[in-house]
PDB file of N, CA and C in Angstrom:
ATOM      1  N   MET A   1      -0.813 -13.285  28.925  1.00  0.00           N
ATOM      2  CA  MET A   1      -0.125 -14.450  28.410  1.00  0.00           C
ATOM      3  C   MET A   1       1.272 -14.480  29.040  1.00  0.00           C
ATOM      4  N   PRO A   2       1.714 -15.624  29.553  1.00  0.00           N
ATOM      5  CA  PRO A   2       3.056 -15.718  30.141  1.00  0.00           C
ATOM      6  C   PRO A   2       4.136 -15.436  29.092  1.00  0.00           C
ATOM      7  N   ALA A   3       5.240 -14.880  29.546  1.00  0.00           N
ATOM      8  CA  ALA A   3       6.330 -14.468  28.650  1.00  0.00           C
ATOM      9  C   ALA A   3       6.839 -15.597  27.743  1.00  0.00           C
ATOM     10  N   PRO A   4       7.068 -16.820  28.243  1.00  0.00           N
ATOM     11  CA  PRO A   4       7.569 -17.873  27.347  1.00  0.00           C
ATOM     12  C   PRO A   4       6.587 -18.205  26.216  1.00  0.00           C
ATOM     13  N   ILE A   5       5.306 -18.197  26.516  1.00  0.00           N
ATOM     14  CA  ILE A   5       4.312 -18.485  25.479  1.00  0.00           C
ATOM     15  C   ILE A   5       4.271 -17.350  24.469  1.00  0.00           C
ATOM     16  N   LEU A   6       4.314 -16.124  24.957  1.00  0.00           N
ATOM     17  CA  LEU A   6       4.319 -14.961  24.070  1.00  0.00           C
ATOM     18  C   LEU A   6       5.540 -14.989  23.159  1.00  0.00           C
ATOM     19  N   ALA A   7       6.692 -15.355  23.711  1.00  0.00           N
ATOM     20  CA  ALA A   7       7.916 -15.434  22.912  1.00  0.00           C
ATOM     21  C   ALA A   7       7.785 -16.514  21.837  1.00  0.00           C
ATOM     22  N   ALA A   8       7.208 -17.656  22.190  1.00  0.00           N
ATOM     23  CA  ALA A   8       7.033 -18.739  21.222  1.00  0.00           C
ATOM     24  C   ALA A   8       6.095 -18.314  20.096  1.00  0.00           C
ATOM     25  N   VAL A   9       5.016 -17.637  20.448  1.00  0.00           N
ATOM     26  CA  VAL A   9       4.074 -17.155  19.439  1.00  0.00           C
ATOM     27  C   VAL A   9       4.764 -16.168  18.503  1.00  0.00           C
ATOM     28  N   ALA A  10       5.579 -15.273  19.050  1.00  0.00           N
ATOM     29  CA  ALA A  10       6.293 -14.285  18.237  1.00  0.00           C
ATOM     30  C   ALA A  10       7.269 -14.968  17.280  1.00  0.00           C
ATOM     31  N   ILE A  11       7.958 -15.992  17.742  1.00  0.00           N
ATOM     32  CA  ILE A  11       8.916 -16.712  16.895  1.00  0.00           C
ATOM     33  C   ILE A  11       8.185 -17.431  15.760  1.00  0.00           C
ATOM     34  N   ILE A  12       7.093 -18.102  16.084  1.00  0.00           N
ATOM     35  CA  ILE A  12       6.333 -18.820  15.058  1.00  0.00           C
ATOM     36  C   ILE A  12       5.769 -17.847  14.028  1.00  0.00           C
ATOM     37  N   ALA A  13       5.240 -16.726  14.490  1.00  0.00           N
ATOM     38  CA  ALA A  13       4.713 -15.714  13.561  1.00  0.00           C
ATOM     39  C   ALA A  13       5.825 -15.195  12.656  1.00  0.00           C
ATOM     40  N   GLY A  14       7.013 -14.982  13.208  1.00  0.00           N
ATOM     41  CA  GLY A  14       8.148 -14.515  12.417  1.00  0.00           C
ATOM     42  C   GLY A  14       8.548 -15.511  11.343  1.00  0.00           C
ATOM     43  N   LEU A  15       8.471 -16.793  11.653  1.00  0.00           N
ATOM     44  CA  LEU A  15       8.803 -17.821  10.664  1.00  0.00           C
ATOM     45  C   LEU A  15       7.814 -17.816   9.507  1.00  0.00           C
ATOM     46  N   PHE A  16       6.545 -17.642   9.809  1.00  0.00           N
ATOM     47  CA  PHE A  16       5.547 -17.578   8.736  1.00  0.00           C
ATOM     48  C   PHE A  16       5.782 -16.384   7.832  1.00  0.00           C
ATOM     49  N   VAL A  17       6.113 -15.253   8.393  1.00  0.00           N
ATOM     50  CA  VAL A  17       6.374 -14.054   7.593  1.00  0.00           C
ATOM     51  C   VAL A  17       7.619 -14.260   6.740  1.00  0.00           C
ATOM     52  N   ALA A  18       8.650 -14.864   7.295  1.00  0.00           N
ATOM     53  CA  ALA A  18       9.903 -15.077   6.568  1.00  0.00           C
ATOM     54  C   ALA A  18       9.728 -16.054   5.411  1.00  0.00           C
ATOM     55  N   CYS A  19       8.795 -16.987   5.531  1.00  0.00           N
ATOM     56  CA  CYS A  19       8.602 -17.997   4.494  1.00  0.00           C
ATOM     57  C   CYS A  19       7.536 -17.627   3.473  1.00  0.00           C
ATOM     58  N   ALA A  20       6.856 -16.548   3.670  1.00  0.00           N
ATOM     59  CA  ALA A  20       5.791 -16.151   2.744  1.00  0.00           C
ATOM     60  C   ALA A  20       6.381 -15.788   1.387  1.00  0.00           C
ATOM     61  N   ARG A  21       5.730 -16.236   0.333  1.00  0.00           N
ATOM     62  CA  ARG A  21       6.165 -15.897  -1.021  1.00  0.00           C
ATOM     63  C   ARG A  21       5.596 -14.542  -1.386  1.00  0.00           C
ATOM     64  N   PRO A  22       6.366 -13.753  -2.115  1.00  0.00           N
ATOM     65  CA  PRO A  22       5.813 -12.480  -2.578  1.00  0.00           C
ATOM     66  C   PRO A  22       4.680 -12.747  -3.566  1.00  0.00           C
ATOM     67  N   GLY A  23       3.854 -11.760  -3.787  1.00  0.00           N
ATOM     68  CA  GLY A  23       2.742 -11.913  -4.715  1.00  0.00           C
ATOM     69  C   GLY A  23       3.226 -12.279  -6.106  1.00  0.00           C
ATOM     70  N   ALA A  24       2.431 -13.006  -6.814  1.00  0.00           N
ATOM     71  CA  ALA A  24       2.777 -13.420  -8.167  1.00  0.00           C
ATOM     72  C   ALA A  24       2.715 -12.224  -9.114  1.00  0.00           C
ATOM     73  N   TYR A  25       3.561 -12.249 -10.113  1.00  0.00           N
ATOM     74  CA  TYR A  25       3.586 -11.220 -11.148  1.00  0.00           C
ATOM     75  C   TYR A  25       2.335 -11.367 -12.003  1.00  0.00           C
ATOM     76  N   THR A  26       1.738 -10.267 -12.385  1.00  0.00           N
ATOM     77  CA  THR A  26       0.551 -10.278 -13.234  1.00  0.00           C
ATOM     78  C   THR A  26       0.865  -9.607 -14.564  1.00  0.00           C
ATOM     79  N   CYS A  27       0.499 -10.263 -15.658  1.00  0.00           N
ATOM     80  CA  CYS A  27       0.738  -9.717 -16.998  1.00  0.00           C
ATOM     81  C   CYS A  27      -0.575  -9.246 -17.618  1.00  0.00           C
ATOM     82  N   ALA A  28      -0.440  -8.449 -18.667  1.00  0.00           N
ATOM     83  CA  ALA A  28      -1.608  -7.994 -19.422  1.00  0.00           C
ATOM     84  C   ALA A  28      -1.521  -8.438 -20.888  1.00  0.00           C
ATOM     85  N   ILE A  29      -0.286  -8.510 -21.414  1.00  0.00           N
ATOM     86  CA  ILE A  29      -0.059  -8.915 -22.804  1.00  0.00           C
ATOM     87  C   ILE A  29       1.163  -9.829 -22.862  1.00  0.00           C
ATOM     88  N   ASP A  30       1.315 -10.568 -23.964  1.00  0.00           N
ATOM     89  CA  ASP A  30       2.442 -11.499 -24.107  1.00  0.00           C
ATOM     90  C   ASP A  30       3.790 -10.821 -23.893  1.00  0.00           C
ATOM     91  N   ALA A  31       3.945  -9.590 -24.360  1.00  0.00           N
ATOM     92  CA  ALA A  31       5.223  -8.883 -24.225  1.00  0.00           C
ATOM     93  C   ALA A  31       5.630  -8.714 -22.761  1.00  0.00           C
ATOM     94  N   ASP A  32       4.679  -8.740 -21.843  1.00  0.00           N
ATOM     95  CA  ASP A  32       4.983  -8.642 -20.410  1.00  0.00           C
ATOM     96  C   ASP A  32       5.693  -9.888 -19.902  1.00  0.00           C
ATOM     97  N   CYS A  33       5.681 -10.952 -20.672  1.00  0.00           N
ATOM     98  CA  CYS A  33       6.212 -12.242 -20.232  1.00  0.00           C
ATOM     99  C   CYS A  33       7.542 -12.612 -20.879  1.00  0.00           C
ATOM    100  N   THR A  34       8.205 -11.675 -21.504  1.00  0.00           N
ATOM    101  CA  THR A  34       9.506 -11.934 -22.104  1.00  0.00           C
ATOM    102  C   THR A  34      10.580 -11.802 -21.031  1.00  0.00           C
ATOM    103  N   ALA A  35      11.399 -12.845 -20.897  1.00  0.00           N
ATOM    104  CA  ALA A  35      12.463 -12.837 -19.892  1.00  0.00           C
ATOM    105  C   ALA A  35      13.716 -13.453 -20.495  1.00  0.00           C
ATOM    106  N   GLY A  36      14.833 -12.784 -20.350  1.00  0.00           N
ATOM    107  CA  GLY A  36      16.089 -13.296 -20.870  1.00  0.00           C
ATOM    108  C   GLY A  36      16.064 -13.504 -22.373  1.00  0.00           C
ATOM    109  N   GLY A  37      15.289 -12.690 -23.078  1.00  0.00           N
ATOM    110  CA  GLY A  37      15.187 -12.807 -24.521  1.00  0.00           C
ATOM    111  C   GLY A  37      14.264 -13.914 -24.997  1.00  0.00           C
ATOM    112  N   VAL A  38      13.627 -14.619 -24.066  1.00  0.00           N
ATOM    113  CA  VAL A  38      12.709 -15.701 -24.413  1.00  0.00           C
ATOM    114  C   VAL A  38      11.279 -15.188 -24.285  1.00  0.00           C
ATOM    115  N   ALA A  39      10.527 -15.290 -25.378  1.00  0.00           N
ATOM    116  CA  ALA A  39       9.141 -14.826 -25.368  1.00  0.00           C
ATOM    117  C   ALA A  39       8.258 -15.806 -24.610  1.00  0.00           C
ATOM    118  N   GLY A  40       7.393 -15.265 -23.787  1.00  0.00           N
ATOM    119  CA  GLY A  40       6.422 -16.075 -23.056  1.00  0.00           C
ATOM    120  C   GLY A  40       5.017 -15.722 -23.504  1.00  0.00           C
ATOM    121  N   PHE A  41       4.045 -16.230 -22.793  1.00  0.00           N
ATOM    122  CA  PHE A  41       2.643 -16.006 -23.122  1.00  0.00           C
ATOM    123  C   PHE A  41       1.916 -15.491 -21.887  1.00  0.00           C
ATOM    124  N   CYS A  42       1.067 -14.503 -22.064  1.00  0.00           N
ATOM    125  CA  CYS A  42       0.229 -14.017 -20.976  1.00  0.00           C
ATOM    126  C   CYS A  42      -1.076 -14.803 -21.032  1.00  0.00           C
ATOM    127  N   GLU A  43      -1.289 -15.655 -20.049  1.00  0.00           N
ATOM    128  CA  GLU A  43      -2.486 -16.495 -20.019  1.00  0.00           C
ATOM    129  C   GLU A  43      -3.701 -15.677 -19.571  1.00  0.00           C
ATOM    130  N   PRO A  44      -4.913 -16.163 -19.851  1.00  0.00           N
ATOM    131  CA  PRO A  44      -6.127 -15.429 -19.477  1.00  0.00           C
ATOM    132  C   PRO A  44      -6.226 -15.094 -17.986  1.00  0.00           C
ATOM    133  N   ASP A  45      -5.551 -15.878 -17.131  1.00  0.00           N
ATOM    134  CA  ASP A  45      -5.597 -15.590 -15.694  1.00  0.00           C
ATOM    135  C   ASP A  45      -4.561 -14.553 -15.266  1.00  0.00           C
ATOM    136  N   GLY A  46      -3.833 -13.963 -16.248  1.00  0.00           N
ATOM    137  CA  GLY A  46      -2.860 -12.919 -15.937  1.00  0.00           C
ATOM    138  C   GLY A  46      -1.513 -13.439 -15.473  1.00  0.00           C
ATOM    139  N   ARG A  47      -1.244 -14.713 -15.649  1.00  0.00           N
ATOM    140  CA  ARG A  47       0.038 -15.314 -15.271  1.00  0.00           C
ATOM    141  C   ARG A  47       0.822 -15.641 -16.536  1.00  0.00           C
ATOM    142  N   CYS A  48       2.150 -15.573 -16.436  1.00  0.00           N
ATOM    143  CA  CYS A  48       3.010 -15.868 -17.584  1.00  0.00           C
ATOM    144  C   CYS A  48       3.273 -17.362 -17.701  1.00  0.00           C
ATOM    145  N   SER A  49       3.285 -17.836 -18.937  1.00  0.00           N
ATOM    146  CA  SER A  49       3.680 -19.213 -19.207  1.00  0.00           C
ATOM    147  C   SER A  49       4.758 -19.203 -20.281  1.00  0.00           C
ATOM    148  N   VAL A  50       5.456 -20.322 -20.389  1.00  0.00           N
ATOM    149  CA  VAL A  50       6.500 -20.489 -21.397  1.00  0.00           C
ATOM    150  C   VAL A  50       6.252 -21.806 -22.127  1.00  0.00           C
ATOM    151  N   ALA A  51       6.794 -21.924 -23.333  1.00  0.00           N
ATOM    152  CA  ALA A  51       6.647 -23.157 -24.102  1.00  0.00           C
ATOM    153  C   ALA A  51       7.345 -24.302 -23.379  1.00  0.00           C
ATOM    154  N   ASP A  52       6.676 -25.457 -23.312  1.00  0.00           N
ATOM    155  CA  ASP A  52       7.249 -26.644 -22.690  1.00  0.00           C
ATOM    156  C   ASP A  52       6.608 -27.875 -23.328  1.00  0.00           C
ATOM    157  N   GLY A  53       7.376 -28.556 -24.167  1.00  0.00           N
ATOM    158  CA  GLY A  53       6.877 -29.733 -24.865  1.00  0.00           C
ATOM    159  C   GLY A  53       6.547 -30.900 -23.960  1.00  0.00           C
ATOM    160  N   ASN A  54       6.985 -30.862 -22.706  1.00  0.00           N
ATOM    161  CA  ASN A  54       6.693 -31.943 -21.765  1.00  0.00           C
ATOM    162  C   ASN A  54       5.324 -31.802 -21.109  1.00  0.00           C
ATOM    163  N   CYS A  55       4.664 -30.682 -21.313  1.00  0.00           N
ATOM    164  CA  CYS A  55       3.339 -30.451 -20.724  1.00  0.00           C
ATOM    165  C   CYS A  55       2.264 -30.735 -21.769  1.00  0.00           C
ATOM    166  N   PRO A  56       1.139 -31.331 -21.359  1.00  0.00           N
ATOM    167  CA  PRO A  56       0.066 -31.645 -22.309  1.00  0.00           C
ATOM    168  C   PRO A  56      -0.412 -30.430 -23.107  1.00  0.00           C
ATOM    169  N   SER A  57      -0.420 -29.261 -22.491  1.00  0.00           N
ATOM    170  CA  SER A  57      -0.880 -28.050 -23.184  1.00  0.00           C
ATOM    171  C   SER A  57       0.198 -27.444 -24.070  1.00  0.00           C
ATOM    172  N   GLY A  58       1.451 -27.899 -23.889  1.00  0.00           N
ATOM    173  CA  GLY A  58       2.568 -27.320 -24.629  1.00  0.00           C
ATOM    174  C   GLY A  58       3.158 -26.104 -23.944  1.00  0.00           C
ATOM    175  N   ARG A  59       2.595 -25.749 -22.790  1.00  0.00           N
ATOM    176  CA  ARG A  59       3.080 -24.606 -22.011  1.00  0.00           C
ATOM    177  C   ARG A  59       3.074 -24.958 -20.528  1.00  0.00           C
ATOM    178  N   ARG A  60       3.919 -24.244 -19.773  1.00  0.00           N
ATOM    179  CA  ARG A  60       3.886 -24.353 -18.312  1.00  0.00           C
ATOM    180  C   ARG A  60       4.010 -22.955 -17.745  1.00  0.00           C
ATOM    181  N   TYR A  61       3.451 -22.760 -16.576  1.00  0.00           N
ATOM    182  CA  TYR A  61       3.547 -21.459 -15.926  1.00  0.00           C
ATOM    183  C   TYR A  61       4.992 -21.188 -15.532  1.00  0.00           C
ATOM    184  N   GLY A  62       5.408 -19.931 -15.667  1.00  0.00           N
ATOM    185  CA  GLY A  62       6.758 -19.520 -15.309  1.00  0.00           C
ATOM    186  C   GLY A  62       6.939 -19.386 -13.808  1.00  0.00           C
ATOM    187  N   ASP A  63       8.178 -19.132 -13.404  1.00  0.00           N
ATOM    188  CA  ASP A  63       8.522 -19.031 -11.986  1.00  0.00           C
ATOM    189  C   ASP A  63       7.790 -17.905 -11.269  1.00  0.00           C
ATOM    190  N   SER A  64       7.347 -16.895 -11.997  1.00  0.00           N
ATOM    191  CA  SER A  64       6.687 -15.751 -11.367  1.00  0.00           C
ATOM    192  C   SER A  64       5.178 -15.933 -11.235  1.00  0.00           C
ATOM    193  N   ALA A  65       4.668 -17.130 -11.510  1.00  0.00           N
ATOM    194  CA  ALA A  65       3.220 -17.362 -11.521  1.00  0.00           C
ATOM    195  C   ALA A  65       2.643 -17.760 -10.169  1.00  0.00           C
ATOM    196  N   GLY A  66       3.378 -17.551  -9.110  1.00  0.00           N
ATOM    197  CA  GLY A  66       2.855 -17.862  -7.778  1.00  0.00           C
ATOM    198  C   GLY A  66       2.621 -19.348  -7.596  1.00  0.00           C
ATOM    199  N   ALA A  67       1.461 -19.706  -7.068  1.00  0.00           N
ATOM    200  CA  ALA A  67       1.152 -21.105  -6.769  1.00  0.00           C
ATOM    201  C   ALA A  67       1.105 -21.977  -8.024  1.00  0.00           C
ATOM    202  N   GLN A  68       0.873 -21.385  -9.180  1.00  0.00           N
ATOM    203  CA  GLN A  68       0.815 -22.158 -10.423  1.00  0.00           C
ATOM    204  C   GLN A  68       2.188 -22.411 -11.035  1.00  0.00           C
ATOM    205  N   ALA A  69       3.232 -21.810 -10.521  1.00  0.00           N
ATOM    206  CA  ALA A  69       4.573 -21.924 -11.105  1.00  0.00           C
ATOM    207  C   ALA A  69       4.954 -23.384 -11.330  1.00  0.00           C
ATOM    208  N   GLY A  70       5.444 -23.660 -12.534  1.00  0.00           N
ATOM    209  CA  GLY A  70       5.925 -24.995 -12.870  1.00  0.00           C
ATOM    210  C   GLY A  70       4.845 -25.968 -13.301  1.00  0.00           C
ATOM    211  N   THR A  71       3.588 -25.537 -13.293  1.00  0.00           N
ATOM    212  CA  THR A  71       2.505 -26.455 -13.682  1.00  0.00           C
ATOM    213  C   THR A  71       2.040 -26.150 -15.083  1.00  0.00           C
TER     214      THR A  71
END
């Protein structure tokens, strides 16, 4: 592979690594989801949620829930 193409591939790969989100936090019990003194809920999928009256379920996934965060 020519050097300029190899350099471009390396730069693009580096950008993907830099933008990757760390793995989502996994909980086992509700107590695992307490943050800043606010109690959360450990959902069946192992992600933390918090009370949110604006959501139809009354809860939304917390910031540590990976792709589900905020939903």
